[in-house]
Amino acid sequence: MSAKDTVLEVMKKEGTPLNAGRITEISGLDRKEVDKALKALKDEELIVSPKRCYWEPKK
């Protein structure tokens, strides 16, 4: 499973907006990997930011 898939899965499982630090804690991925995955997911419009620095899957 790629870092993008892992990050998206963590977000769906938690059900609330998460910041990169929390995603790192839950997933066990390196922070740089999480940041890259968030950027890629944002570029693909698969996640949205309801408030600054927090992300959730697009509905």
N, C-alpha and C. Protein backbone atom coordinates (compact mmCIF):
# COMPACT_ATOMS: atom_id res chain seq x y z
N MET A 1 0.85 -1.18 0.00
CA MET A 1 0.00 0.00 0.00
C MET A 1 0.89 1.24 0.00
N SER A 2 0.56 2.19 -0.85
CA SER A 2 1.37 3.41 -0.94
C SER A 2 1.07 4.34 0.24
N ALA A 3 1.91 5.32 0.43
CA ALA A 3 1.71 6.29 1.51
C ALA A 3 0.40 7.05 1.30
N LYS A 4 0.09 7.37 0.04
CA LYS A 4 -1.17 8.07 -0.26
C LYS A 4 -2.37 7.24 0.18
N ASP A 5 -2.35 5.96 -0.15
CA ASP A 5 -3.45 5.07 0.23
C ASP A 5 -3.57 4.96 1.74
N THR A 6 -2.43 4.84 2.41
CA THR A 6 -2.41 4.73 3.86
C THR A 6 -3.00 5.98 4.52
N VAL A 7 -2.56 7.15 4.05
CA VAL A 7 -3.05 8.41 4.61
C VAL A 7 -4.56 8.54 4.40
N LEU A 8 -5.03 8.24 3.21
CA LEU A 8 -6.46 8.34 2.92
C LEU A 8 -7.26 7.35 3.77
N GLU A 9 -6.73 6.16 3.95
CA GLU A 9 -7.41 5.15 4.77
C GLU A 9 -7.50 5.60 6.23
N VAL A 10 -6.42 6.17 6.76
CA VAL A 10 -6.42 6.68 8.14
C VAL A 10 -7.49 7.78 8.30
N MET A 11 -7.56 8.68 7.32
CA MET A 11 -8.53 9.77 7.38
C MET A 11 -9.97 9.23 7.37
N LYS A 12 -10.22 8.26 6.52
CA LYS A 12 -11.58 7.68 6.44
C LYS A 12 -11.93 6.95 7.72
N LYS A 13 -10.96 6.23 8.29
CA LYS A 13 -11.20 5.46 9.50
C LYS A 13 -11.48 6.37 10.70
N GLU A 14 -10.76 7.48 10.82
CA GLU A 14 -10.92 8.38 11.96
C GLU A 14 -12.24 9.16 11.90
N GLY A 15 -12.63 9.58 10.71
CA GLY A 15 -13.91 10.26 10.56
C GLY A 15 -13.93 11.72 10.98
N THR A 16 -12.79 12.27 11.36
CA THR A 16 -12.71 13.68 11.72
C THR A 16 -11.51 14.30 11.01
N PRO A 17 -11.51 15.61 10.81
CA PRO A 17 -10.35 16.26 10.19
C PRO A 17 -9.08 16.03 11.02
N LEU A 18 -7.99 15.71 10.35
CA LEU A 18 -6.72 15.43 11.02
C LEU A 18 -5.61 16.31 10.47
N ASN A 19 -4.63 16.61 11.33
CA ASN A 19 -3.45 17.32 10.84
C ASN A 19 -2.35 16.30 10.55
N ALA A 20 -1.29 16.73 9.92
CA ALA A 20 -0.22 15.83 9.50
C ALA A 20 0.43 15.12 10.69
N GLY A 21 0.57 15.81 11.80
CA GLY A 21 1.18 15.21 12.98
C GLY A 21 0.37 14.04 13.51
N ARG A 22 -0.94 14.19 13.54
CA ARG A 22 -1.82 13.12 14.02
C ARG A 22 -1.82 11.94 13.04
N ILE A 23 -1.81 12.24 11.75
CA ILE A 23 -1.76 11.17 10.75
C ILE A 23 -0.46 10.39 10.90
N THR A 24 0.64 11.09 11.16
CA THR A 24 1.93 10.45 11.38
C THR A 24 1.88 9.49 12.57
N GLU A 25 1.26 9.94 13.68
CA GLU A 25 1.15 9.11 14.88
C GLU A 25 0.34 7.85 14.61
N ILE A 26 -0.80 8.01 13.95
CA ILE A 26 -1.71 6.89 13.72
C ILE A 26 -1.13 5.90 12.72
N SER A 27 -0.58 6.40 11.62
CA SER A 27 -0.15 5.53 10.53
C SER A 27 1.22 4.92 10.74
N GLY A 28 2.08 5.59 11.52
CA GLY A 28 3.44 5.11 11.70
C GLY A 28 4.37 5.48 10.56
N LEU A 29 3.86 6.26 9.60
CA LEU A 29 4.69 6.72 8.48
C LEU A 29 5.59 7.87 8.92
N ASP A 30 6.64 8.11 8.16
CA ASP A 30 7.53 9.24 8.38
C ASP A 30 6.79 10.53 8.04
N ARG A 31 7.08 11.60 8.74
CA ARG A 31 6.38 12.88 8.53
C ARG A 31 6.56 13.38 7.08
N LYS A 32 7.74 13.21 6.51
CA LYS A 32 7.96 13.67 5.13
C LYS A 32 7.08 12.89 4.15
N GLU A 33 6.91 11.60 4.40
CA GLU A 33 6.03 10.79 3.55
C GLU A 33 4.59 11.27 3.65
N VAL A 34 4.15 11.58 4.86
CA VAL A 34 2.79 12.07 5.07
C VAL A 34 2.59 13.40 4.36
N ASP A 35 3.55 14.31 4.47
CA ASP A 35 3.45 15.61 3.81
C ASP A 35 3.35 15.46 2.29
N LYS A 36 4.17 14.56 1.72
CA LYS A 36 4.13 14.33 0.28
C LYS A 36 2.78 13.74 -0.13
N ALA A 37 2.28 12.79 0.66
CA ALA A 37 1.00 12.16 0.36
C ALA A 37 -0.14 13.18 0.43
N LEU A 38 -0.12 14.04 1.44
CA LEU A 38 -1.16 15.07 1.57
C LEU A 38 -1.14 16.01 0.37
N LYS A 39 0.05 16.40 -0.06
CA LYS A 39 0.15 17.29 -1.22
C LYS A 39 -0.41 16.61 -2.47
N ALA A 40 -0.05 15.35 -2.67
CA ALA A 40 -0.54 14.61 -3.84
C ALA A 40 -2.06 14.45 -3.78
N LEU A 41 -2.59 14.12 -2.62
CA LEU A 41 -4.04 13.96 -2.47
C LEU A 41 -4.76 15.28 -2.69
N LYS A 42 -4.16 16.37 -2.23
CA LYS A 42 -4.76 17.69 -2.44
C LYS A 42 -4.76 18.04 -3.92
N ASP A 43 -3.66 17.77 -4.61
CA ASP A 43 -3.56 18.05 -6.04
C ASP A 43 -4.58 17.24 -6.85
N GLU A 44 -4.87 16.03 -6.38
CA GLU A 44 -5.85 15.17 -7.05
C GLU A 44 -7.28 15.47 -6.60
N GLU A 45 -7.42 16.43 -5.68
CA GLU A 45 -8.72 16.85 -5.14
C GLU A 45 -9.47 15.71 -4.45
N LEU A 46 -8.72 14.86 -3.75
CA LEU A 46 -9.33 13.77 -2.99
C LEU A 46 -9.54 14.14 -1.53
N ILE A 47 -8.88 15.23 -1.08
CA ILE A 47 -9.06 15.71 0.30
C ILE A 47 -9.36 17.20 0.28
N VAL A 48 -10.01 17.65 1.35
CA VAL A 48 -10.32 19.07 1.51
C VAL A 48 -9.91 19.51 2.91
N SER A 49 -9.75 20.82 3.07
CA SER A 49 -9.34 21.37 4.36
C SER A 49 -10.48 22.20 4.95
N PRO A 50 -11.18 21.65 5.97
CA PRO A 50 -12.27 22.40 6.60
C PRO A 50 -11.75 23.56 7.46
N LYS A 51 -10.52 23.43 7.97
CA LYS A 51 -9.87 24.52 8.70
C LYS A 51 -8.37 24.39 8.50
N ARG A 52 -7.68 25.44 8.73
CA ARG A 52 -6.24 25.51 8.46
C ARG A 52 -5.48 24.33 9.06
N CYS A 53 -4.67 23.68 8.22
CA CYS A 53 -3.77 22.58 8.61
C CYS A 53 -4.48 21.28 8.96
N TYR A 54 -5.76 21.19 8.76
CA TYR A 54 -6.50 19.96 9.00
C TYR A 54 -7.12 19.49 7.70
N TRP A 55 -7.12 18.18 7.49
CA TRP A 55 -7.59 17.61 6.23
C TRP A 55 -8.58 16.50 6.46
N GLU A 56 -9.49 16.31 5.52
CA GLU A 56 -10.42 15.21 5.56
C GLU A 56 -10.74 14.78 4.13
N PRO A 57 -11.20 13.54 3.95
CA PRO A 57 -11.53 13.08 2.59
C PRO A 57 -12.67 13.91 2.00
N LYS A 58 -12.61 14.13 0.71
CA LYS A 58 -13.67 14.86 0.03
C LYS A 58 -14.91 13.98 -0.01
N LYS A 59 -16.06 14.57 0.24
CA LYS A 59 -17.30 13.80 0.27
C LYS A 59 -17.95 13.74 -1.05
